[in-house]
PDB file of all heavy atoms in Angstrom:
ATOM      1  N   VAL A   1     244.061  88.614 234.048  1.00  0.00           N
ATOM      2  CA  VAL A   1     245.230  88.324 234.857  1.00  0.00           C
ATOM      3  C   VAL A   1     246.317  87.771 233.941  1.00  0.00           C
ATOM      4  O   VAL A   1     246.020  87.080 232.958  1.00  0.00           O
ATOM      5  CB  VAL A   1     244.894  87.345 236.007  1.00  0.00           C
ATOM      6  CG1 VAL A   1     244.420  86.002 235.470  1.00  0.00           C
ATOM      7  CG2 VAL A   1     246.084  87.178 236.941  1.00  0.00           C
ATOM      8  N   TYR A   2     247.567  88.076 234.254  1.00  0.00           N
ATOM      9  CA  TYR A   2     248.694  87.717 233.412  1.00  0.00           C
ATOM     10  C   TYR A   2     249.718  86.906 234.189  1.00  0.00           C
ATOM     11  O   TYR A   2     249.821  87.002 235.412  1.00  0.00           O
ATOM     12  CB  TYR A   2     249.391  88.969 232.872  1.00  0.00           C
ATOM     13  CG  TYR A   2     248.476  89.934 232.168  1.00  0.00           C
ATOM     14  CD1 TYR A   2     247.926  91.018 232.849  1.00  0.00           C
ATOM     15  CD2 TYR A   2     248.164  89.769 230.823  1.00  0.00           C
ATOM     16  CE1 TYR A   2     247.091  91.909 232.203  1.00  0.00           C
ATOM     17  CE2 TYR A   2     247.327  90.651 230.171  1.00  0.00           C
ATOM     18  CZ  TYR A   2     246.792  91.725 230.869  1.00  0.00           C
ATOM     19  OH  TYR A   2     245.961  92.612 230.225  1.00  0.00           O
ATOM     20  N   LEU A   3     250.485  86.131 233.454  1.00  0.00           N
ATOM     21  CA  LEU A   3     251.645  85.458 234.013  1.00  0.00           C
ATOM     22  C   LEU A   3     252.809  85.659 233.056  1.00  0.00           C
ATOM     23  O   LEU A   3     252.850  85.059 231.981  1.00  0.00           O
ATOM     24  CB  LEU A   3     251.390  83.968 234.225  1.00  0.00           C
ATOM     25  CG  LEU A   3     252.518  83.208 234.922  1.00  0.00           C
ATOM     26  CD1 LEU A   3     252.648  83.665 236.375  1.00  0.00           C
ATOM     27  CD2 LEU A   3     252.292  81.703 234.852  1.00  0.00           C
ATOM     28  N   GLN A   4     253.731  86.527 233.437  1.00  0.00           N
ATOM     29  CA  GLN A   4     254.948  86.737 232.668  1.00  0.00           C
ATOM     30  C   GLN A   4     255.970  85.699 233.102  1.00  0.00           C
ATOM     31  O   GLN A   4     256.328  85.630 234.274  1.00  0.00           O
ATOM     32  CB  GLN A   4     255.494  88.142 232.900  1.00  0.00           C
ATOM     33  CG  GLN A   4     256.810  88.426 232.189  1.00  0.00           C
ATOM     34  CD  GLN A   4     256.661  88.432 230.690  1.00  0.00           C
ATOM     35  OE1 GLN A   4     255.786  89.121 230.160  1.00  0.00           O
ATOM     36  NE2 GLN A   4     257.497  87.679 229.998  1.00  0.00           N
ATOM     37  N   MET A   5     256.438  84.893 232.172  1.00  0.00           N
ATOM     38  CA  MET A   5     257.362  83.802 232.454  1.00  0.00           C
ATOM     39  C   MET A   5     258.678  84.076 231.743  1.00  0.00           C
ATOM     40  O   MET A   5     258.732  84.113 230.513  1.00  0.00           O
ATOM     41  CB  MET A   5     256.778  82.463 232.005  1.00  0.00           C
ATOM     42  CG  MET A   5     255.417  82.158 232.614  1.00  0.00           C
ATOM     43  SD  MET A   5     254.806  80.519 232.159  1.00  0.00           S
ATOM     44  CE  MET A   5     254.555  80.763 230.408  1.00  0.00           C
ATOM     45  N   ASN A   6     259.727  84.270 232.515  1.00  0.00           N
ATOM     46  CA  ASN A   6     261.059  84.519 231.986  1.00  0.00           C
ATOM     47  C   ASN A   6     261.997  83.381 232.369  1.00  0.00           C
ATOM     48  O   ASN A   6     261.713  82.601 233.275  1.00  0.00           O
ATOM     49  CB  ASN A   6     261.615  85.842 232.522  1.00  0.00           C
ATOM     50  CG  ASN A   6     260.794  87.037 232.115  1.00  0.00           C
ATOM     51  OD1 ASN A   6     260.225  87.084 231.030  1.00  0.00           O
ATOM     52  ND2 ASN A   6     260.739  88.035 232.998  1.00  0.00           N
ATOM     53  N   SER A   7     263.118  83.311 231.682  1.00  0.00           N
ATOM     54  CA  SER A   7     264.135  82.292 231.961  1.00  0.00           C
ATOM     55  C   SER A   7     263.524  80.904 232.032  1.00  0.00           C
ATOM     56  O   SER A   7     263.785  80.124 232.953  1.00  0.00           O
ATOM     57  CB  SER A   7     264.874  82.627 233.266  1.00  0.00           C
ATOM     58  OG  SER A   7     265.494  83.895 233.184  1.00  0.00           O
ATOM     59  N   LEU A   8     262.712  80.573 231.057  1.00  0.00           N
ATOM     60  CA  LEU A   8     261.984  79.314 231.073  1.00  0.00           C
ATOM     61  C   LEU A   8     262.922  78.118 230.974  1.00  0.00           C
ATOM     62  O   LEU A   8     263.955  78.171 230.300  1.00  0.00           O
ATOM     63  CB  LEU A   8     260.970  79.277 229.939  1.00  0.00           C
ATOM     64  CG  LEU A   8     259.704  80.092 230.214  1.00  0.00           C
ATOM     65  CD1 LEU A   8     258.965  80.389 228.926  1.00  0.00           C
ATOM     66  CD2 LEU A   8     258.803  79.344 231.190  1.00  0.00           C
ATOM     67  N   LYS A   9     262.538  77.056 231.658  1.00  0.00           N
ATOM     68  CA  LYS A   9     263.296  75.819 231.708  1.00  0.00           C
ATOM     69  C   LYS A   9     262.446  74.676 231.174  1.00  0.00           C
ATOM     70  O   LYS A   9     261.217  74.739 231.230  1.00  0.00           O
ATOM     71  CB  LYS A   9     263.708  75.506 233.151  1.00  0.00           C
ATOM     72  CG  LYS A   9     264.467  76.613 233.855  1.00  0.00           C
ATOM     73  CD  LYS A   9     264.695  76.251 235.320  1.00  0.00           C
ATOM     74  CE  LYS A   9     265.448  77.340 236.045  1.00  0.00           C
ATOM     75  NZ  LYS A   9     265.663  76.993 237.472  1.00  0.00           N
ATOM     76  N   PRO A  10     263.062  73.598 230.683  1.00  0.00           N
ATOM     77  CA  PRO A  10     262.262  72.445 230.254  1.00  0.00           C
ATOM     78  C   PRO A  10     261.334  71.929 231.348  1.00  0.00           C
ATOM     79  O   PRO A  10     260.245  71.436 231.037  1.00  0.00           O
ATOM     80  CB  PRO A  10     263.327  71.407 229.885  1.00  0.00           C
ATOM     81  CG  PRO A  10     264.492  72.225 229.452  1.00  0.00           C
ATOM     82  CD  PRO A  10     264.483  73.432 230.355  1.00  0.00           C
ATOM     83  N   GLU A  11     261.726  72.055 232.600  1.00  0.00           N
ATOM     84  CA  GLU A  11     260.894  71.616 233.713  1.00  0.00           C
ATOM     85  C   GLU A  11     259.611  72.425 233.859  1.00  0.00           C
ATOM     86  O   GLU A  11     258.712  72.021 234.596  1.00  0.00           O
ATOM     87  CB  GLU A  11     261.676  71.691 235.031  1.00  0.00           C
ATOM     88  CG  GLU A  11     263.006  70.961 235.004  1.00  0.00           C
ATOM     89  CD  GLU A  11     264.149  71.882 234.628  1.00  0.00           C
ATOM     90  OE1 GLU A  11     264.435  71.997 233.413  1.00  0.00           O
ATOM     91  OE2 GLU A  11     264.760  72.485 235.536  1.00  0.00           O
ATOM     92  N   ASP A  12     259.521  73.567 233.185  1.00  0.00           N
ATOM     93  CA  ASP A  12     258.309  74.371 233.210  1.00  0.00           C
ATOM     94  C   ASP A  12     257.248  73.863 232.238  1.00  0.00           C
ATOM     95  O   ASP A  12     256.130  74.384 232.229  1.00  0.00           O
ATOM     96  CB  ASP A  12     258.626  75.835 232.876  1.00  0.00           C
ATOM     97  CG  ASP A  12     259.519  76.491 233.909  1.00  0.00           C
ATOM     98  OD1 ASP A  12     259.293  76.284 235.118  1.00  0.00           O
ATOM     99  OD2 ASP A  12     260.448  77.222 233.501  1.00  0.00           O
ATOM    100  N   THR A  13     257.584  72.891 231.420  1.00  0.00           N
ATOM    101  CA  THR A  13     256.635  72.352 230.454  1.00  0.00           C
ATOM    102  C   THR A  13     255.432  71.754 231.166  1.00  0.00           C
ATOM    103  O   THR A  13     255.574  70.886 232.027  1.00  0.00           O
ATOM    104  CB  THR A  13     257.310  71.291 229.577  1.00  0.00           C
ATOM    105  OG1 THR A  13     258.347  71.903 228.802  1.00  0.00           O
ATOM    106  CG2 THR A  13     256.302  70.644 228.640  1.00  0.00           C
ATOM    107  N   ALA A  14     254.247  72.231 230.813  1.00  0.00           N
ATOM    108  CA  ALA A  14     253.015  71.790 231.466  1.00  0.00           C
ATOM    109  C   ALA A  14     251.837  72.480 230.801  1.00  0.00           C
ATOM    110  O   ALA A  14     252.008  73.405 229.994  1.00  0.00           O
ATOM    111  CB  ALA A  14     253.037  72.123 232.958  1.00  0.00           C
ATOM    112  N   VAL A  15     250.647  72.028 231.153  1.00  0.00           N
ATOM    113  CA  VAL A  15     249.442  72.775 230.848  1.00  0.00           C
ATOM    114  C   VAL A  15     249.226  73.766 231.980  1.00  0.00           C
ATOM    115  O   VAL A  15     249.206  73.385 233.154  1.00  0.00           O
ATOM    116  CB  VAL A  15     248.216  71.862 230.699  1.00  0.00           C
ATOM    117  CG1 VAL A  15     246.959  72.686 230.453  1.00  0.00           C
ATOM    118  CG2 VAL A  15     248.427  70.872 229.561  1.00  0.00           C
ATOM    119  N   TYR A  16     249.073  75.019 231.638  1.00  0.00           N
ATOM    120  CA  TYR A  16     248.891  76.076 232.622  1.00  0.00           C
ATOM    121  C   TYR A  16     247.421  76.465 232.692  1.00  0.00           C
ATOM    122  O   TYR A  16     246.785  76.736 231.675  1.00  0.00           O
ATOM    123  CB  TYR A  16     249.748  77.290 232.272  1.00  0.00           C
ATOM    124  CG  TYR A  16     251.198  77.086 232.619  1.00  0.00           C
ATOM    125  CD1 TYR A  16     251.984  76.190 231.905  1.00  0.00           C
ATOM    126  CD2 TYR A  16     251.787  77.770 233.687  1.00  0.00           C
ATOM    127  CE1 TYR A  16     253.310  75.973 232.234  1.00  0.00           C
ATOM    128  CE2 TYR A  16     253.109  77.565 234.018  1.00  0.00           C
ATOM    129  CZ  TYR A  16     253.869  76.673 233.292  1.00  0.00           C
ATOM    130  OH  TYR A  16     255.182  76.469 233.626  1.00  0.00           O
ATOM    131  N   PHE A  17     246.892  76.500 233.906  1.00  0.00           N
ATOM    132  CA  PHE A  17     245.487  76.798 234.152  1.00  0.00           C
ATOM    133  C   PHE A  17     245.341  78.097 234.925  1.00  0.00           C
ATOM    134  O   PHE A  17     246.046  78.323 235.909  1.00  0.00           O
ATOM    135  CB  PHE A  17     244.825  75.684 234.970  1.00  0.00           C
ATOM    136  CG  PHE A  17     244.809  74.345 234.301  1.00  0.00           C
ATOM    137  CD1 PHE A  17     245.843  73.447 234.486  1.00  0.00           C
ATOM    138  CD2 PHE A  17     243.749  73.983 233.489  1.00  0.00           C
ATOM    139  CE1 PHE A  17     245.830  72.211 233.878  1.00  0.00           C
ATOM    140  CE2 PHE A  17     243.721  72.742 232.876  1.00  0.00           C
ATOM    141  CZ  PHE A  17     244.768  71.856 233.070  1.00  0.00           C
ATOM    142  N   CYS A  18     244.418  78.908 234.500  1.00  0.00           N
ATOM    143  CA  CYS A  18     243.992  80.068 235.253  1.00  0.00           C
ATOM    144  C   CYS A  18     242.919  79.637 236.244  1.00  0.00           C
ATOM    145  O   CYS A  18     242.095  78.773 235.938  1.00  0.00           O
ATOM    146  CB  CYS A  18     243.445  81.120 234.289  1.00  0.00           C
ATOM    147  SG  CYS A  18     242.819  82.621 235.049  1.00  0.00           S
ATOM    148  N   ALA A  19     242.922  80.233 237.433  1.00  0.00           N
ATOM    149  CA  ALA A  19     241.966  79.853 238.466  1.00  0.00           C
ATOM    150  C   ALA A  19     241.466  81.080 239.213  1.00  0.00           C
ATOM    151  O   ALA A  19     242.183  82.067 239.364  1.00  0.00           O
ATOM    152  CB  ALA A  19     242.607  78.872 239.452  1.00  0.00           C
ATOM    153  N   ALA A  20     240.240  80.989 239.689  1.00  0.00           N
ATOM    154  CA  ALA A  20     239.613  82.051 240.461  1.00  0.00           C
ATOM    155  C   ALA A  20     239.152  81.518 241.808  1.00  0.00           C
ATOM    156  O   ALA A  20     238.717  80.370 241.920  1.00  0.00           O
ATOM    157  CB  ALA A  20     238.428  82.639 239.704  1.00  0.00           C
ATOM    158  N   ALA A  21     239.244  82.362 242.817  1.00  0.00           N
ATOM    159  CA  ALA A  21     238.747  82.051 244.149  1.00  0.00           C
ATOM    160  C   ALA A  21     237.586  82.962 244.500  1.00  0.00           C
ATOM    161  O   ALA A  21     237.488  84.083 243.988  1.00  0.00           O
ATOM    162  CB  ALA A  21     239.861  82.200 245.182  1.00  0.00           C
ATOM    163  N   HIS A  22     236.732  82.498 245.383  1.00  0.00           N
ATOM    164  CA  HIS A  22     235.603  83.300 245.849  1.00  0.00           C
ATOM    165  C   HIS A  22     235.965  84.012 247.146  1.00  0.00           C
ATOM    166  O   HIS A  22     235.287  83.889 248.165  1.00  0.00           O
ATOM    167  CB  HIS A  22     234.371  82.427 246.017  1.00  0.00           C
ATOM    168  CG  HIS A  22     233.818  81.933 244.717  1.00  0.00           C
ATOM    169  ND1 HIS A  22     234.232  80.748 244.141  1.00  0.00           N
ATOM    170  CD2 HIS A  22     232.904  82.471 243.871  1.00  0.00           C
ATOM    171  CE1 HIS A  22     233.594  80.582 243.002  1.00  0.00           C
ATOM    172  NE2 HIS A  22     232.784  81.611 242.816  1.00  0.00           N
ATOM    173  N   SER A  23     237.057  84.763 247.083  1.00  0.00           N
ATOM    174  CA  SER A  23     237.538  85.515 248.224  1.00  0.00           C
ATOM    175  C   SER A  23     238.498  86.580 247.736  1.00  0.00           C
ATOM    176  O   SER A  23     239.022  86.495 246.622  1.00  0.00           O
ATOM    177  CB  SER A  23     238.225  84.598 249.244  1.00  0.00           C
ATOM    178  OG  SER A  23     239.290  83.882 248.631  1.00  0.00           O
ATOM    179  N   TYR A  24     238.763  87.566 248.569  1.00  0.00           N
ATOM    180  CA  TYR A  24     239.700  88.623 248.217  1.00  0.00           C
ATOM    181  C   TYR A  24     241.136  88.124 248.197  1.00  0.00           C
ATOM    182  O   TYR A  24     241.945  88.561 247.373  1.00  0.00           O
ATOM    183  CB  TYR A  24     239.596  89.773 249.216  1.00  0.00           C
ATOM    184  CG  TYR A  24     238.263  90.484 249.251  1.00  0.00           C
ATOM    185  CD1 TYR A  24     237.827  91.090 250.417  1.00  0.00           C
ATOM    186  CD2 TYR A  24     237.454  90.565 248.130  1.00  0.00           C
ATOM    187  CE1 TYR A  24     236.620  91.761 250.469  1.00  0.00           C
ATOM    188  CE2 TYR A  24     236.243  91.226 248.177  1.00  0.00           C
ATOM    189  CZ  TYR A  24     235.839  91.822 249.345  1.00  0.00           C
ATOM    190  OH  TYR A  24     234.634  92.489 249.386  1.00  0.00           O
ATOM    191  N   TYR A  25     241.453  87.234 249.110  1.00  0.00           N
ATOM    192  CA  TYR A  25     242.749  86.580 249.208  1.00  0.00           C
ATOM    193  C   TYR A  25     242.509  85.082 249.183  1.00  0.00           C
ATOM    194  O   TYR A  25     241.446  84.608 249.590  1.00  0.00           O
ATOM    195  CB  TYR A  25     243.472  86.961 250.504  1.00  0.00           C
ATOM    196  CG  TYR A  25     243.769  88.435 250.643  1.00  0.00           C
ATOM    197  CD1 TYR A  25     242.802  89.320 251.106  1.00  0.00           C
ATOM    198  CD2 TYR A  25     245.029  88.941 250.329  1.00  0.00           C
ATOM    199  CE1 TYR A  25     243.079  90.671 251.242  1.00  0.00           C
ATOM    200  CE2 TYR A  25     245.308  90.292 250.470  1.00  0.00           C
ATOM    201  CZ  TYR A  25     244.330  91.154 250.928  1.00  0.00           C
ATOM    202  OH  TYR A  25     244.615  92.495 251.065  1.00  0.00           O
ATOM    203  N   ALA A  26     243.488  84.326 248.735  1.00  0.00           N
ATOM    204  CA  ALA A  26     243.303  82.886 248.642  1.00  0.00           C
ATOM    205  C   ALA A  26     244.623  82.154 248.812  1.00  0.00           C
ATOM    206  O   ALA A  26     245.660  82.584 248.296  1.00  0.00           O
ATOM    207  CB  ALA A  26     242.673  82.494 247.305  1.00  0.00           C
ATOM    208  N   ARG A  27     244.569  81.055 249.533  1.00  0.00           N
ATOM    209  CA  ARG A  27     245.665  80.112 249.592  1.00  0.00           C
ATOM    210  C   ARG A  27     245.520  79.137 248.426  1.00  0.00           C
ATOM    211  O   ARG A  27     244.468  79.060 247.803  1.00  0.00           O
ATOM    212  CB  ARG A  27     245.657  79.382 250.931  1.00  0.00           C
ATOM    213  CG  ARG A  27     245.888  80.323 252.105  1.00  0.00           C
ATOM    214  CD  ARG A  27     245.819  79.602 253.430  1.00  0.00           C
ATOM    215  NE  ARG A  27     246.061  80.503 254.547  1.00  0.00           N
ATOM    216  CZ  ARG A  27     246.060  80.156 255.816  1.00  0.00           C
ATOM    217  NH1 ARG A  27     245.819  78.894 256.148  1.00  0.00           N
ATOM    218  NH2 ARG A  27     246.289  81.054 256.753  1.00  0.00           N
ATOM    219  N   PRO A  28     246.580  78.383 248.108  1.00  0.00           N
ATOM    220  CA  PRO A  28     246.520  77.528 246.912  1.00  0.00           C
ATOM    221  C   PRO A  28     245.326  76.580 246.864  1.00  0.00           C
ATOM    222  O   PRO A  28     244.815  76.307 245.765  1.00  0.00           O
ATOM    223  CB  PRO A  28     247.842  76.759 246.986  1.00  0.00           C
ATOM    224  CG  PRO A  28     248.778  77.714 247.651  1.00  0.00           C
ATOM    225  CD  PRO A  28     247.947  78.411 248.686  1.00  0.00           C
ATOM    226  N   TYR A  29     244.860  76.098 247.993  1.00  0.00           N
ATOM    227  CA  TYR A  29     243.745  75.151 247.998  1.00  0.00           C
ATOM    228  C   TYR A  29     242.382  75.830 247.958  1.00  0.00           C
ATOM    229  O   TYR A  29     241.359  75.136 247.953  1.00  0.00           O
ATOM    230  CB  TYR A  29     243.831  74.246 249.233  1.00  0.00           C
ATOM    231  CG  TYR A  29     243.800  74.982 250.546  1.00  0.00           C
ATOM    232  CD1 TYR A  29     242.601  75.323 251.147  1.00  0.00           C
ATOM    233  CD2 TYR A  29     244.987  75.328 251.190  1.00  0.00           C
ATOM    234  CE1 TYR A  29     242.570  76.006 252.355  1.00  0.00           C
ATOM    235  CE2 TYR A  29     244.964  76.010 252.395  1.00  0.00           C
ATOM    236  CZ  TYR A  29     243.755  76.349 252.973  1.00  0.00           C
ATOM    237  OH  TYR A  29     243.739  77.019 254.174  1.00  0.00           O
ATOM    238  N   GLU A  30     242.337  77.138 247.905  1.00  0.00           N
ATOM    239  CA  GLU A  30     241.069  77.863 247.960  1.00  0.00           C
ATOM    240  C   GLU A  30     240.557  78.297 246.589  1.00  0.00           C
ATOM    241  O   GLU A  30     239.529  78.965 246.509  1.00  0.00           O
ATOM    242  CB  GLU A  30     241.198  79.074 248.872  1.00  0.00           C
ATOM    243  CG  GLU A  30     241.394  78.704 250.336  1.00  0.00           C
ATOM    244  CD  GLU A  30     241.580  79.907 251.229  1.00  0.00           C
ATOM    245  OE1 GLU A  30     242.297  80.851 250.836  1.00  0.00           O
ATOM    246  OE2 GLU A  30     241.000  79.902 252.342  1.00  0.00           O
ATOM    247  N   TYR A  31     241.228  77.940 245.534  1.00  0.00           N
ATOM    248  CA  TYR A  31     240.748  78.246 244.189  1.00  0.00           C
ATOM    249  C   TYR A  31     239.790  77.149 243.736  1.00  0.00           C
ATOM    250  O   TYR A  31     240.093  75.962 243.880  1.00  0.00           O
ATOM    251  CB  TYR A  31     241.923  78.361 243.218  1.00  0.00           C
ATOM    252  CG  TYR A  31     242.814  79.537 243.520  1.00  0.00           C
ATOM    253  CD1 TYR A  31     243.875  79.428 244.404  1.00  0.00           C
ATOM    254  CD2 TYR A  31     242.583  80.769 242.921  1.00  0.00           C
ATOM    255  CE1 TYR A  31     244.684  80.514 244.696  1.00  0.00           C
ATOM    256  CE2 TYR A  31     243.386  81.860 243.203  1.00  0.00           C
ATOM    257  CZ  TYR A  31     244.430  81.720 244.096  1.00  0.00           C
ATOM    258  OH  TYR A  31     245.231  82.805 244.369  1.00  0.00           O
ATOM    259  N   ASP A  32     238.660  77.535 243.175  1.00  0.00           N
ATOM    260  CA  ASP A  32     237.640  76.546 242.860  1.00  0.00           C
ATOM    261  C   ASP A  32     236.986  76.711 241.492  1.00  0.00           C
ATOM    262  O   ASP A  32     236.022  76.003 241.192  1.00  0.00           O
ATOM    263  CB  ASP A  32     236.563  76.508 243.946  1.00  0.00           C
ATOM    264  CG  ASP A  32     235.911  77.858 244.184  1.00  0.00           C
ATOM    265  OD1 ASP A  32     236.181  78.812 243.424  1.00  0.00           O
ATOM    266  OD2 ASP A  32     235.114  77.966 245.137  1.00  0.00           O
ATOM    267  N   TYR A  33     237.474  77.613 240.679  1.00  0.00           N
ATOM    268  CA  TYR A  33     236.966  77.773 239.328  1.00  0.00           C
ATOM    269  C   TYR A  33     238.148  77.856 238.382  1.00  0.00           C
ATOM    270  O   TYR A  33     239.090  78.616 238.628  1.00  0.00           O
ATOM    271  CB  TYR A  33     236.081  79.018 239.220  1.00  0.00           C
ATOM    272  CG  TYR A  33     235.294  79.074 237.945  1.00  0.00           C
ATOM    273  CD1 TYR A  33     234.151  78.303 237.785  1.00  0.00           C
ATOM    274  CD2 TYR A  33     235.700  79.890 236.896  1.00  0.00           C
ATOM    275  CE1 TYR A  33     233.428  78.345 236.613  1.00  0.00           C
ATOM    276  CE2 TYR A  33     234.978  79.939 235.718  1.00  0.00           C
ATOM    277  CZ  TYR A  33     233.847  79.165 235.578  1.00  0.00           C
ATOM    278  OH  TYR A  33     233.127  79.209 234.415  1.00  0.00           O
ATOM    279  N   TRP A  34     238.089  77.085 237.288  1.00  0.00           N
ATOM    280  CA  TRP A  34     239.256  76.856 236.447  1.00  0.00           C
ATOM    281  C   TRP A  34     238.998  77.129 234.982  1.00  0.00           C
ATOM    282  O   TRP A  34     237.904  76.898 234.471  1.00  0.00           O
ATOM    283  CB  TRP A  34     239.721  75.401 236.591  1.00  0.00           C
ATOM    284  CG  TRP A  34     239.991  75.024 238.003  1.00  0.00           C
ATOM    285  CD1 TRP A  34     239.081  74.560 238.917  1.00  0.00           C
ATOM    286  CD2 TRP A  34     241.237  75.102 238.685  1.00  0.00           C
ATOM    287  NE1 TRP A  34     239.695  74.347 240.127  1.00  0.00           N
ATOM    288  CE2 TRP A  34     241.018  74.668 240.006  1.00  0.00           C
ATOM    289  CE3 TRP A  34     242.515  75.489 238.292  1.00  0.00           C
ATOM    290  CZ2 TRP A  34     242.039  74.616 240.943  1.00  0.00           C
ATOM    291  CZ3 TRP A  34     243.532  75.443 239.232  1.00  0.00           C
ATOM    292  CH2 TRP A  34     243.292  75.001 240.535  1.00  0.00           C
ATOM    293  N   GLY A  35     240.027  77.614 234.307  1.00  0.00           N
ATOM    294  CA  GLY A  35     239.993  77.726 232.868  1.00  0.00           C
ATOM    295  C   GLY A  35     240.296  76.399 232.204  1.00  0.00           C
ATOM    296  O   GLY A  35     240.500  75.366 232.858  1.00  0.00           O
ATOM    297  N   GLN A  36     240.353  76.411 230.884  1.00  0.00           N
ATOM    298  CA  GLN A  36     240.543  75.181 230.122  1.00  0.00           C
ATOM    299  C   GLN A  36     242.005  74.773 229.996  1.00  0.00           C
ATOM    300  O   GLN A  36     242.299  73.629 229.645  1.00  0.00           O
ATOM    301  CB  GLN A  36     239.928  75.337 228.728  1.00  0.00           C
ATOM    302  CG  GLN A  36     240.797  76.057 227.698  1.00  0.00           C
ATOM    303  CD  GLN A  36     240.929  77.549 227.928  1.00  0.00           C
ATOM    304  OE1 GLN A  36     240.225  78.143 228.745  1.00  0.00           O
ATOM    305  NE2 GLN A  36     241.845  78.174 227.184  1.00  0.00           N
ATOM    306  N   GLY A  37     242.913  75.686 230.251  1.00  0.00           N
ATOM    307  CA  GLY A  37     244.328  75.400 230.182  1.00  0.00           C
ATOM    308  C   GLY A  37     244.953  75.781 228.860  1.00  0.00           C
ATOM    309  O   GLY A  37     244.302  75.769 227.815  1.00  0.00           O
ATOM    310  N   THR A  38     246.231  76.121 228.905  1.00  0.00           N
ATOM    311  CA  THR A  38     247.005  76.408 227.705  1.00  0.00           C
ATOM    312  C   THR A  38     248.367  75.729 227.829  1.00  0.00           C
ATOM    313  O   THR A  38     248.998  75.768 228.885  1.00  0.00           O
ATOM    314  CB  THR A  38     247.139  77.927 227.477  1.00  0.00           C
ATOM    315  OG1 THR A  38     247.799  78.179 226.237  1.00  0.00           O
ATOM    316  CG2 THR A  38     247.914  78.602 228.602  1.00  0.00           C
ATOM    317  N   GLN A  39     248.806  75.086 226.751  1.00  0.00           N
ATOM    318  CA  GLN A  39     250.028  74.296 226.785  1.00  0.00           C
ATOM    319  C   GLN A  39     251.254  75.188 226.652  1.00  0.00           C
ATOM    320  O   GLN A  39     251.338  76.026 225.754  1.00  0.00           O
ATOM    321  CB  GLN A  39     250.023  73.266 225.651  1.00  0.00           C
ATOM    322  CG  GLN A  39     251.297  72.433 225.556  1.00  0.00           C
ATOM    323  CD  GLN A  39     251.447  71.456 226.695  1.00  0.00           C
ATOM    324  OE1 GLN A  39     250.493  70.757 227.041  1.00  0.00           O
ATOM    325  NE2 GLN A  39     252.638  71.403 227.288  1.00  0.00           N
TER     326      GLN A  39
END
């Protein structure tokens, strides 16, 4: 899975985590497996 980020702003500074849900569709609170993050 990819995240293309354009027009980046200083407010976008963060650790970004990939997440997986155990469903075909998921709301934000339904993700329960996480990557280690990338700065």
